[in-house]
Amino acid sequence: MKFHAAGLVCREKIGSPVINFLNKLPVILADIKIQHTVFALPFAVMSTFLAAEGWPAWDVLAWICAAMLGARSAAMAFNRIVDARFDQSNPRTRGRALPSGEVSQNQYVVFLAASSAFFIFSSAMLNDLALWLSPVALGIVFSYSLTKRFTSYSHVALGFALACAPVGAWVAVREEISLLSLVLGAAVVFWLTGFDIIYSCLDVDHDRENDLHSIPQKFGVERALNIAKGSHYMTVVFLLAVVALSPLLGAVYLGGVVLVAGLLWFEHSLVNSQDLSKVNVAFFNVNGGISVLLMLAVMVDCVWN
């Protein structure tokens, strides 16, 4: 009976933290905005179709999507952990799970470890190169969260983090890094840099007060918006350059790029230095539409051609 009672106590001690973590999992997923995987995932899918020259194997596509989910979840968890004290002082972010106390730091660390392990496992299910590069990818996506402490160009670092999506997807299919995937990755860098500059205009006062760096903090909101516009011009240039490197892409993709250029123009029409009230619309709705639109255009051209 004593051994039985001890076993029950042991199971309770082990089970209670696990149950608490599982209960907090929906809160964590909402906190990292799991739905925003839509920004990077479509570029991974684009690269997958281009590398496969048509429909990829379903298992490969599934593991690429799984790897994307793991990598982004790990990156966001790392961001929430290391930025918790800054989130606490920012009126826009103090309601997040960690600064509000809704989730403990230990629970977030467990989620970070699990997401990282899931990403590495998914990479291992693809090929050896994907597995060997998986820690490098994690290092890149984690590093962004630290860059605001020492450089105004943290937006570019975030762009490089998301550019891992098309490059990594190409590695997953062909076990190599190609010029085409790098050019598509460059388009992602400029696209993400531009809209992250726009979004960071909301935090310019908080960044100045807390010695955090950003382009709006360094150059002011008006100049920052012009820099974002220039970055988006370069996005269109690199998206057009992709056509020259892939015989699979044609009229549908080019039409998609034209629509993307229009959406980017619309995004910039929504915000100005005197009115940032529509930044969230520009950030979430427009850019989510851009990535999905490009993905569909690539898929159609790759399947039809």
C-alpha atoms as a PDB file:
ATOM      1  CA  MET A   1       0.000   0.000   0.000  1.00  0.00           C
ATOM      2  CA  LYS A   2       2.845   2.381   0.811  1.00  0.00           C
ATOM      3  CA  PHE A   3       4.436   1.766  -2.608  1.00  0.00           C
ATOM      4  CA  HIS A   4       1.062   2.249  -4.277  1.00  0.00           C
ATOM      5  CA  ALA A   5       0.490   5.547  -2.454  1.00  0.00           C
ATOM      6  CA  ALA A   6       4.022   6.716  -3.285  1.00  0.00           C
ATOM      7  CA  GLY A   7       3.399   5.896  -6.938  1.00  0.00           C
ATOM      8  CA  LEU A   8       0.205   7.939  -6.951  1.00  0.00           C
ATOM      9  CA  VAL A   9       1.984  10.908  -5.378  1.00  0.00           C
ATOM     10  CA  CYS A  10       4.802  10.616  -7.918  1.00  0.00           C
ATOM     11  CA  ARG A  11       2.362  10.512 -10.834  1.00  0.00           C
ATOM     12  CA  GLU A  12       0.521  13.517  -9.418  1.00  0.00           C
ATOM     13  CA  LYS A  13       3.773  15.466  -9.111  1.00  0.00           C
ATOM     14  CA  ILE A  14       4.732  14.642 -12.692  1.00  0.00           C
ATOM     15  CA  GLY A  15       1.232  14.880 -14.123  1.00  0.00           C
ATOM     16  CA  SER A  16       0.284  18.215 -12.616  1.00  0.00           C
ATOM     17  CA  PRO A  17       2.911  20.323 -14.484  1.00  0.00           C
ATOM     18  CA  VAL A  18       2.124  18.460 -17.717  1.00  0.00           C
ATOM     19  CA  ILE A  19      -1.595  19.108 -17.318  1.00  0.00           C
ATOM     20  CA  ASN A  20      -0.926  22.760 -16.470  1.00  0.00           C
ATOM     21  CA  PHE A  21       1.255  23.109 -19.558  1.00  0.00           C
ATOM     22  CA  LEU A  22      -1.366  21.508 -21.809  1.00  0.00           C
ATOM     23  CA  ASN A  23      -4.000  23.814 -20.341  1.00  0.00           C
ATOM     24  CA  LYS A  24      -1.808  26.816 -21.179  1.00  0.00           C
ATOM     25  CA  LEU A  25      -0.961  25.588 -24.684  1.00  0.00           C
ATOM     26  CA  PRO A  26      -3.916  27.356 -26.358  1.00  0.00           C
ATOM     27  CA  VAL A  27      -2.873  30.572 -24.610  1.00  0.00           C
ATOM     28  CA  ILE A  28       0.701  30.208 -25.880  1.00  0.00           C
ATOM     29  CA  LEU A  29      -0.466  29.461 -29.427  1.00  0.00           C
ATOM     30  CA  ALA A  30      -2.678  32.551 -29.363  1.00  0.00           C
ATOM     31  CA  ASP A  31       0.169  34.609 -27.878  1.00  0.00           C
ATOM     32  CA  ILE A  32       2.622  33.704 -30.646  1.00  0.00           C
ATOM     33  CA  LYS A  33      -0.150  34.242 -33.205  1.00  0.00           C
ATOM     34  CA  ILE A  34       0.205  30.843 -34.792  1.00  0.00           C
ATOM     35  CA  GLN A  35      -1.984  32.024 -37.672  1.00  0.00           C
ATOM     36  CA  HIS A  36       0.771  34.406 -38.769  1.00  0.00           C
ATOM     37  CA  THR A  37       2.691  31.430 -40.103  1.00  0.00           C
ATOM     38  CA  VAL A  38       0.848  32.516 -43.271  1.00  0.00           C
ATOM     39  CA  PHE A  39       3.575  35.106 -43.861  1.00  0.00           C
ATOM     40  CA  ALA A  40       6.435  32.639 -44.322  1.00  0.00           C
ATOM     41  CA  LEU A  41       4.786  29.310 -45.152  1.00  0.00           C
ATOM     42  CA  PRO A  42       3.584  30.301 -48.656  1.00  0.00           C
ATOM     43  CA  PHE A  43       7.155  31.159 -49.668  1.00  0.00           C
ATOM     44  CA  ALA A  44       8.284  27.721 -48.523  1.00  0.00           C
ATOM     45  CA  VAL A  45       5.488  26.182 -50.601  1.00  0.00           C
ATOM     46  CA  MET A  46       6.504  28.285 -53.630  1.00  0.00           C
ATOM     47  CA  SER A  47      10.077  27.089 -53.375  1.00  0.00           C
ATOM     48  CA  THR A  48       8.886  23.515 -52.912  1.00  0.00           C
ATOM     49  CA  PHE A  49       6.889  23.581 -56.166  1.00  0.00           C
ATOM     50  CA  LEU A  50       9.726  25.270 -58.060  1.00  0.00           C
ATOM     51  CA  ALA A  51      12.299  22.767 -56.792  1.00  0.00           C
ATOM     52  CA  ALA A  52      10.042  19.814 -57.573  1.00  0.00           C
ATOM     53  CA  GLU A  53       9.163  21.329 -60.980  1.00  0.00           C
ATOM     54  CA  GLY A  54       5.500  20.653 -60.312  1.00  0.00           C
ATOM     55  CA  TRP A  55       3.616  18.819 -57.601  1.00  0.00           C
ATOM     56  CA  PRO A  56       6.026  17.701 -54.885  1.00  0.00           C
ATOM     57  CA  ALA A  57       5.704  14.392 -53.072  1.00  0.00           C
ATOM     58  CA  TRP A  58       2.979  14.740 -50.467  1.00  0.00           C
ATOM     59  CA  ASP A  59       5.161  13.496 -47.626  1.00  0.00           C
ATOM     60  CA  VAL A  60       7.867  16.026 -48.500  1.00  0.00           C
ATOM     61  CA  LEU A  61       5.345  18.866 -48.597  1.00  0.00           C
ATOM     62  CA  ALA A  62       3.867  17.744 -45.282  1.00  0.00           C
ATOM     63  CA  TRP A  63       7.235  17.624 -43.519  1.00  0.00           C
ATOM     64  CA  ILE A  64       8.187  21.029 -44.948  1.00  0.00           C
ATOM     65  CA  CYS A  65       4.975  22.496 -43.531  1.00  0.00           C
ATOM     66  CA  ALA A  66       5.680  20.781 -40.208  1.00  0.00           C
ATOM     67  CA  ALA A  67       9.222  22.171 -40.145  1.00  0.00           C
ATOM     68  CA  MET A  68       7.909  25.659 -40.872  1.00  0.00           C
ATOM     69  CA  LEU A  69       5.422  25.389 -38.023  1.00  0.00           C
ATOM     70  CA  GLY A  70       8.117  24.204 -35.627  1.00  0.00           C
ATOM     71  CA  ALA A  71      10.665  26.839 -36.637  1.00  0.00           C
ATOM     72  CA  ARG A  72       8.256  29.755 -36.426  1.00  0.00           C
ATOM     73  CA  SER A  73       6.818  28.579 -33.113  1.00  0.00           C
ATOM     74  CA  ALA A  74      10.318  28.240 -31.664  1.00  0.00           C
ATOM     75  CA  ALA A  75      11.342  31.663 -32.973  1.00  0.00           C
ATOM     76  CA  MET A  76       8.262  33.356 -31.533  1.00  0.00           C
ATOM     77  CA  ALA A  77       8.648  31.586 -28.187  1.00  0.00           C
ATOM     78  CA  PHE A  78      12.278  32.726 -27.986  1.00  0.00           C
ATOM     79  CA  ASN A  79      11.171  36.265 -28.846  1.00  0.00           C
ATOM     80  CA  ARG A  80       8.512  36.303 -26.145  1.00  0.00           C
ATOM     81  CA  ILE A  81      10.972  35.031 -23.521  1.00  0.00           C
ATOM     82  CA  VAL A  82      13.863  37.409 -24.221  1.00  0.00           C
ATOM     83  CA  ASP A  83      11.604  40.434 -24.792  1.00  0.00           C
ATOM     84  CA  ALA A  84       9.338  39.892 -21.774  1.00  0.00           C
ATOM     85  CA  ARG A  85      10.671  42.879 -19.825  1.00  0.00           C
ATOM     86  CA  PHE A  86      10.305  45.185 -22.826  1.00  0.00           C
ATOM     87  CA  ASP A  87       6.809  43.855 -23.501  1.00  0.00           C
ATOM     88  CA  GLN A  88       5.953  44.670 -19.881  1.00  0.00           C
ATOM     89  CA  SER A  89       6.839  48.351 -20.367  1.00  0.00           C
ATOM     90  CA  ASN A  90       5.098  48.721 -23.741  1.00  0.00           C
ATOM     91  CA  PRO A  91       1.355  49.570 -23.558  1.00  0.00           C
ATOM     92  CA  ARG A  92       0.821  47.743 -26.864  1.00  0.00           C
ATOM     93  CA  THR A  93       2.340  44.469 -25.639  1.00  0.00           C
ATOM     94  CA  ARG A  94       1.975  44.330 -21.852  1.00  0.00           C
ATOM     95  CA  GLY A  95      -1.135  42.176 -22.245  1.00  0.00           C
ATOM     96  CA  ARG A  96       0.890  39.331 -23.766  1.00  0.00           C
ATOM     97  CA  ALA A  97       0.970  36.033 -21.911  1.00  0.00           C
ATOM     98  CA  LEU A  98       4.333  36.427 -20.142  1.00  0.00           C
ATOM     99  CA  PRO A  99       4.184  40.048 -18.934  1.00  0.00           C
ATOM    100  CA  SER A 100       0.565  39.577 -17.853  1.00  0.00           C
ATOM    101  CA  GLY A 101       1.499  36.438 -15.888  1.00  0.00           C
ATOM    102  CA  GLU A 102      -0.986  34.266 -17.747  1.00  0.00           C
ATOM    103  CA  VAL A 103       1.834  31.861 -18.703  1.00  0.00           C
ATOM    104  CA  SER A 104       5.004  31.218 -16.695  1.00  0.00           C
ATOM    105  CA  GLN A 105       8.482  31.520 -18.154  1.00  0.00           C
ATOM    106  CA  ASN A 106       9.119  27.814 -17.463  1.00  0.00           C
ATOM    107  CA  GLN A 107       6.053  26.879 -19.496  1.00  0.00           C
ATOM    108  CA  TYR A 108       7.278  29.023 -22.363  1.00  0.00           C
ATOM    109  CA  VAL A 109      10.735  27.423 -22.155  1.00  0.00           C
ATOM    110  CA  VAL A 110       9.143  23.973 -22.426  1.00  0.00           C
ATOM    111  CA  PHE A 111       7.212  25.138 -25.492  1.00  0.00           C
ATOM    112  CA  LEU A 112      10.420  26.558 -26.985  1.00  0.00           C
ATOM    113  CA  ALA A 113      12.274  23.281 -26.456  1.00  0.00           C
ATOM    114  CA  ALA A 114       9.401  21.203 -27.857  1.00  0.00           C
ATOM    115  CA  SER A 115       9.024  23.427 -30.935  1.00  0.00           C
ATOM    116  CA  SER A 116      12.772  23.347 -31.614  1.00  0.00           C
ATOM    117  CA  ALA A 117      12.849  19.554 -31.274  1.00  0.00           C
ATOM    118  CA  PHE A 118       9.851  19.243 -33.581  1.00  0.00           C
ATOM    119  CA  PHE A 119      11.585  21.395 -36.190  1.00  0.00           C
ATOM    120  CA  ILE A 120      14.800  19.361 -36.025  1.00  0.00           C
ATOM    121  CA  PHE A 121      12.844  16.098 -36.203  1.00  0.00           C
ATOM    122  CA  SER A 122      10.877  17.337 -39.229  1.00  0.00           C
ATOM    123  CA  SER A 123      14.142  18.344 -40.900  1.00  0.00           C
ATOM    124  CA  ALA A 124      15.563  14.886 -40.230  1.00  0.00           C
ATOM    125  CA  MET A 125      12.555  13.360 -41.955  1.00  0.00           C
ATOM    126  CA  LEU A 126      13.434  15.296 -45.117  1.00  0.00           C
ATOM    127  CA  ASN A 127      17.125  14.684 -45.784  1.00  0.00           C
ATOM    128  CA  ASP A 128      20.594  14.819 -44.229  1.00  0.00           C
ATOM    129  CA  LEU A 129      21.423  18.359 -45.391  1.00  0.00           C
ATOM    130  CA  ALA A 130      18.162  19.672 -43.961  1.00  0.00           C
ATOM    131  CA  LEU A 131      19.012  18.020 -40.657  1.00  0.00           C
ATOM    132  CA  TRP A 132      22.562  19.396 -40.529  1.00  0.00           C
ATOM    133  CA  LEU A 133      21.361  22.909 -41.397  1.00  0.00           C
ATOM    134  CA  SER A 134      18.468  22.886 -38.911  1.00  0.00           C
ATOM    135  CA  PRO A 135      20.539  24.251 -35.963  1.00  0.00           C
ATOM    136  CA  VAL A 136      21.870  26.988 -38.259  1.00  0.00           C
ATOM    137  CA  ALA A 137      18.308  27.907 -39.211  1.00  0.00           C
ATOM    138  CA  LEU A 138      17.297  28.059 -35.559  1.00  0.00           C
ATOM    139  CA  GLY A 139      20.277  30.281 -34.795  1.00  0.00           C
ATOM    140  CA  ILE A 140      19.215  32.675 -37.555  1.00  0.00           C
ATOM    141  CA  VAL A 141      15.575  32.881 -36.495  1.00  0.00           C
ATOM    142  CA  PHE A 142      16.501  33.266 -32.817  1.00  0.00           C
ATOM    143  CA  SER A 143      19.089  35.992 -33.448  1.00  0.00           C
ATOM    144  CA  TYR A 144      16.525  38.505 -34.708  1.00  0.00           C
ATOM    145  CA  SER A 145      15.054  38.917 -31.234  1.00  0.00           C
ATOM    146  CA  LEU A 146      18.371  40.239 -29.923  1.00  0.00           C
ATOM    147  CA  THR A 147      19.199  42.669 -32.736  1.00  0.00           C
ATOM    148  CA  LYS A 148      17.010  45.563 -31.562  1.00  0.00           C
ATOM    149  CA  ARG A 149      19.393  45.922 -28.640  1.00  0.00           C
ATOM    150  CA  PHE A 150      22.314  47.013 -30.831  1.00  0.00           C
ATOM    151  CA  THR A 151      21.276  47.869 -34.421  1.00  0.00           C
ATOM    152  CA  SER A 152      18.589  49.908 -36.131  1.00  0.00           C
ATOM    153  CA  TYR A 153      18.504  47.363 -38.938  1.00  0.00           C
ATOM    154  CA  SER A 154      16.847  44.587 -36.963  1.00  0.00           C
ATOM    155  CA  HIS A 155      14.115  44.602 -39.628  1.00  0.00           C
ATOM    156  CA  VAL A 156      16.657  43.205 -42.087  1.00  0.00           C
ATOM    157  CA  ALA A 157      17.564  40.468 -39.607  1.00  0.00           C
ATOM    158  CA  LEU A 158      13.889  39.507 -39.421  1.00  0.00           C
ATOM    159  CA  GLY A 159      13.841  39.441 -43.217  1.00  0.00           C
ATOM    160  CA  PHE A 160      16.766  37.026 -43.263  1.00  0.00           C
ATOM    161  CA  ALA A 161      14.971  34.854 -40.713  1.00  0.00           C
ATOM    162  CA  LEU A 162      11.914  34.517 -42.957  1.00  0.00           C
ATOM    163  CA  ALA A 163      14.115  34.052 -46.025  1.00  0.00           C
ATOM    164  CA  CYS A 164      15.113  30.712 -44.513  1.00  0.00           C
ATOM    165  CA  ALA A 165      11.673  29.495 -45.649  1.00  0.00           C
ATOM    166  CA  PRO A 166      12.268  29.356 -49.436  1.00  0.00           C
ATOM    167  CA  VAL A 167      15.940  28.420 -49.087  1.00  0.00           C
ATOM    168  CA  GLY A 168      15.170  25.668 -46.603  1.00  0.00           C
ATOM    169  CA  ALA A 169      12.314  24.303 -48.704  1.00  0.00           C
ATOM    170  CA  TRP A 170      14.631  23.997 -51.705  1.00  0.00           C
ATOM    171  CA  VAL A 171      17.112  22.120 -49.531  1.00  0.00           C
ATOM    172  CA  ALA A 172      14.296  19.831 -48.411  1.00  0.00           C
ATOM    173  CA  VAL A 173      13.426  18.892 -51.999  1.00  0.00           C
ATOM    174  CA  ARG A 174      16.813  18.838 -53.756  1.00  0.00           C
ATOM    175  CA  GLU A 175      19.326  18.720 -50.905  1.00  0.00           C
ATOM    176  CA  GLU A 176      21.126  21.783 -52.254  1.00  0.00           C
ATOM    177  CA  ILE A 177      21.012  25.584 -52.101  1.00  0.00           C
ATOM    178  CA  SER A 178      20.203  27.140 -55.485  1.00  0.00           C
ATOM    179  CA  LEU A 179      20.491  30.643 -56.928  1.00  0.00           C
ATOM    180  CA  LEU A 180      16.737  30.665 -57.541  1.00  0.00           C
ATOM    181  CA  SER A 181      15.953  29.993 -53.884  1.00  0.00           C
ATOM    182  CA  LEU A 182      18.401  32.722 -52.843  1.00  0.00           C
ATOM    183  CA  VAL A 183      16.773  35.253 -55.189  1.00  0.00           C
ATOM    184  CA  LEU A 184      13.334  34.332 -53.873  1.00  0.00           C
ATOM    185  CA  GLY A 185      14.810  34.632 -50.386  1.00  0.00           C
ATOM    186  CA  ALA A 186      16.077  38.129 -51.247  1.00  0.00           C
ATOM    187  CA  ALA A 187      12.550  39.125 -52.264  1.00  0.00           C
ATOM    188  CA  VAL A 188      11.381  37.904 -48.848  1.00  0.00           C
ATOM    189  CA  VAL A 189      14.107  39.924 -47.090  1.00  0.00           C
ATOM    190  CA  PHE A 190      13.042  43.203 -48.741  1.00  0.00           C
ATOM    191  CA  TRP A 191       9.317  42.459 -48.395  1.00  0.00           C
ATOM    192  CA  LEU A 192       9.587  41.637 -44.711  1.00  0.00           C
ATOM    193  CA  THR A 193      11.981  44.525 -44.027  1.00  0.00           C
ATOM    194  CA  GLY A 194       9.510  46.958 -45.555  1.00  0.00           C
ATOM    195  CA  PHE A 195       6.426  45.903 -43.676  1.00  0.00           C
ATOM    196  CA  ASP A 196       8.281  45.412 -40.383  1.00  0.00           C
ATOM    197  CA  ILE A 197       9.501  49.013 -40.629  1.00  0.00           C
ATOM    198  CA  ILE A 198       5.882  50.097 -41.046  1.00  0.00           C
ATOM    199  CA  TYR A 199       4.785  48.038 -38.058  1.00  0.00           C
ATOM    200  CA  SER A 200       7.622  49.264 -35.845  1.00  0.00           C
ATOM    201  CA  CYS A 201       6.449  52.864 -36.326  1.00  0.00           C
ATOM    202  CA  LEU A 202       3.879  52.055 -33.625  1.00  0.00           C
ATOM    203  CA  ASP A 203       6.676  51.556 -31.068  1.00  0.00           C
ATOM    204  CA  VAL A 204       8.941  54.469 -31.904  1.00  0.00           C
ATOM    205  CA  ASP A 205       8.366  56.310 -28.601  1.00  0.00           C
ATOM    206  CA  HIS A 206       8.747  53.159 -26.522  1.00  0.00           C
ATOM    207  CA  ASP A 207      11.962  52.253 -28.381  1.00  0.00           C
ATOM    208  CA  ARG A 208      13.480  55.668 -27.677  1.00  0.00           C
ATOM    209  CA  GLU A 209      12.613  55.470 -23.998  1.00  0.00           C
ATOM    210  CA  ASN A 210      14.101  51.964 -23.627  1.00  0.00           C
ATOM    211  CA  ASP A 211      17.229  52.352 -25.783  1.00  0.00           C
ATOM    212  CA  LEU A 212      15.923  49.936 -28.411  1.00  0.00           C
ATOM    213  CA  HIS A 213      16.899  50.454 -32.036  1.00  0.00           C
ATOM    214  CA  SER A 214      14.819  50.593 -35.187  1.00  0.00           C
ATOM    215  CA  ILE A 215      14.725  52.524 -38.426  1.00  0.00           C
ATOM    216  CA  PRO A 216      11.771  54.686 -37.254  1.00  0.00           C
ATOM    217  CA  GLN A 217      13.603  55.367 -34.003  1.00  0.00           C
ATOM    218  CA  LYS A 218      16.777  56.342 -35.893  1.00  0.00           C
ATOM    219  CA  PHE A 219      15.371  58.306 -38.835  1.00  0.00           C
ATOM    220  CA  GLY A 220      11.882  59.305 -37.734  1.00  0.00           C
ATOM    221  CA  VAL A 221       8.560  57.943 -38.931  1.00  0.00           C
ATOM    222  CA  GLU A 222       8.313  59.854 -42.207  1.00  0.00           C
ATOM    223  CA  ARG A 223      11.753  58.840 -43.461  1.00  0.00           C
ATOM    224  CA  ALA A 224      11.218  55.318 -42.206  1.00  0.00           C
ATOM    225  CA  LEU A 225       8.058  54.990 -44.297  1.00  0.00           C
ATOM    226  CA  ASN A 226      10.019  56.132 -47.351  1.00  0.00           C
ATOM    227  CA  ILE A 227      12.696  53.535 -46.627  1.00  0.00           C
ATOM    228  CA  ALA A 228       9.966  50.897 -46.334  1.00  0.00           C
ATOM    229  CA  LYS A 229       8.602  52.001 -49.707  1.00  0.00           C
ATOM    230  CA  GLY A 230      12.059  51.652 -51.285  1.00  0.00           C
ATOM    231  CA  SER A 231      12.419  48.199 -49.746  1.00  0.00           C
ATOM    232  CA  HIS A 232       9.149  47.151 -51.354  1.00  0.00           C
ATOM    233  CA  TYR A 233      10.304  48.430 -54.743  1.00  0.00           C
ATOM    234  CA  MET A 234      13.228  46.038 -54.393  1.00  0.00           C
ATOM    235  CA  THR A 235      10.818  43.246 -53.477  1.00  0.00           C
ATOM    236  CA  VAL A 236       9.138  43.596 -56.865  1.00  0.00           C
ATOM    237  CA  VAL A 237      12.531  43.678 -58.618  1.00  0.00           C
ATOM    238  CA  PHE A 238      13.594  40.377 -57.051  1.00  0.00           C
ATOM    239  CA  LEU A 239      10.204  38.784 -57.670  1.00  0.00           C
ATOM    240  CA  LEU A 240      10.614  39.632 -61.351  1.00  0.00           C
ATOM    241  CA  ALA A 241      14.163  38.263 -61.308  1.00  0.00           C
ATOM    242  CA  VAL A 242      12.774  34.887 -60.234  1.00  0.00           C
ATOM    243  CA  VAL A 243      11.115  34.574 -63.667  1.00  0.00           C
ATOM    244  CA  ALA A 244      14.483  34.691 -65.399  1.00  0.00           C
ATOM    245  CA  LEU A 245      15.707  31.750 -63.340  1.00  0.00           C
ATOM    246  CA  SER A 246      12.722  29.440 -63.723  1.00  0.00           C
ATOM    247  CA  PRO A 247      11.306  28.276 -67.074  1.00  0.00           C
ATOM    248  CA  LEU A 248       8.206  27.104 -65.216  1.00  0.00           C
ATOM    249  CA  LEU A 249       6.986  30.590 -64.432  1.00  0.00           C
ATOM    250  CA  GLY A 250       4.999  32.570 -66.964  1.00  0.00           C
ATOM    251  CA  ALA A 251       1.935  34.747 -67.388  1.00  0.00           C
ATOM    252  CA  VAL A 252       0.114  33.683 -64.231  1.00  0.00           C
ATOM    253  CA  TYR A 253       3.118  34.412 -62.023  1.00  0.00           C
ATOM    254  CA  LEU A 254       3.808  37.737 -63.762  1.00  0.00           C
ATOM    255  CA  GLY A 255       0.176  38.694 -63.267  1.00  0.00           C
ATOM    256  CA  GLY A 256       0.569  37.790 -59.610  1.00  0.00           C
ATOM    257  CA  VAL A 257       3.625  40.037 -59.285  1.00  0.00           C
ATOM    258  CA  VAL A 258       1.675  42.925 -60.842  1.00  0.00           C
ATOM    259  CA  LEU A 259      -1.106  42.394 -58.303  1.00  0.00           C
ATOM    260  CA  VAL A 260       1.466  42.212 -55.504  1.00  0.00           C
ATOM    261  CA  ALA A 261       2.924  45.544 -56.636  1.00  0.00           C
ATOM    262  CA  GLY A 262      -0.586  46.996 -56.469  1.00  0.00           C
ATOM    263  CA  LEU A 263      -1.147  45.605 -52.987  1.00  0.00           C
ATOM    264  CA  LEU A 264       2.168  47.051 -51.798  1.00  0.00           C
ATOM    265  CA  TRP A 265       1.149  50.447 -53.169  1.00  0.00           C
ATOM    266  CA  PHE A 266      -2.193  50.092 -51.354  1.00  0.00           C
ATOM    267  CA  GLU A 267      -0.355  49.165 -48.152  1.00  0.00           C
ATOM    268  CA  HIS A 268       1.644  52.364 -48.258  1.00  0.00           C
ATOM    269  CA  SER A 269      -1.456  54.414 -49.054  1.00  0.00           C
ATOM    270  CA  LEU A 270      -2.962  53.294 -45.745  1.00  0.00           C
ATOM    271  CA  VAL A 271      -0.296  54.863 -43.528  1.00  0.00           C
ATOM    272  CA  ASN A 272       1.527  58.142 -43.221  1.00  0.00           C
ATOM    273  CA  SER A 273       3.577  59.868 -40.560  1.00  0.00           C
ATOM    274  CA  GLN A 274       0.503  61.684 -39.232  1.00  0.00           C
ATOM    275  CA  ASP A 275      -1.860  58.700 -39.186  1.00  0.00           C
ATOM    276  CA  LEU A 276      -0.753  55.211 -38.142  1.00  0.00           C
ATOM    277  CA  SER A 277      -4.232  54.014 -37.200  1.00  0.00           C
ATOM    278  CA  LYS A 278      -4.374  51.550 -40.108  1.00  0.00           C
ATOM    279  CA  VAL A 279      -0.964  49.960 -39.582  1.00  0.00           C
ATOM    280  CA  ASN A 280      -2.490  46.705 -38.358  1.00  0.00           C
ATOM    281  CA  VAL A 281      -4.612  46.443 -41.519  1.00  0.00           C
ATOM    282  CA  ALA A 282      -1.533  47.089 -43.649  1.00  0.00           C
ATOM    283  CA  PHE A 283       0.583  44.647 -41.659  1.00  0.00           C
ATOM    284  CA  PHE A 284      -1.722  41.658 -41.304  1.00  0.00           C
ATOM    285  CA  ASN A 285      -4.363  41.737 -44.022  1.00  0.00           C
ATOM    286  CA  VAL A 286      -2.408  43.086 -46.975  1.00  0.00           C
ATOM    287  CA  ASN A 287       0.788  41.114 -46.403  1.00  0.00           C
ATOM    288  CA  GLY A 288      -1.053  37.906 -45.659  1.00  0.00           C
ATOM    289  CA  GLY A 289      -2.819  38.367 -48.989  1.00  0.00           C
ATOM    290  CA  ILE A 290       0.467  39.022 -50.784  1.00  0.00           C
ATOM    291  CA  SER A 291       2.105  35.795 -49.670  1.00  0.00           C
ATOM    292  CA  VAL A 292      -0.950  33.641 -50.470  1.00  0.00           C
ATOM    293  CA  LEU A 293      -1.436  35.315 -53.858  1.00  0.00           C
ATOM    294  CA  LEU A 294       2.172  34.660 -54.883  1.00  0.00           C
ATOM    295  CA  MET A 295       1.971  31.072 -53.681  1.00  0.00           C
ATOM    296  CA  LEU A 296      -1.129  30.377 -55.777  1.00  0.00           C
ATOM    297  CA  ALA A 297       0.436  32.013 -58.847  1.00  0.00           C
ATOM    298  CA  VAL A 298       3.573  29.854 -58.548  1.00  0.00           C
ATOM    299  CA  MET A 299       1.570  26.699 -57.974  1.00  0.00           C
ATOM    300  CA  VAL A 300      -0.594  27.288 -61.044  1.00  0.00           C
ATOM    301  CA  ASP A 301       2.349  28.020 -63.333  1.00  0.00           C
ATOM    302  CA  CYS A 302       4.377  25.076 -62.018  1.00  0.00           C
ATOM    303  CA  VAL A 303       1.510  22.628 -62.528  1.00  0.00           C
ATOM    304  CA  TRP A 304       0.395  23.926 -65.927  1.00  0.00           C
ATOM    305  CA  ASN A 305       3.827  24.410 -67.541  1.00  0.00           C
END
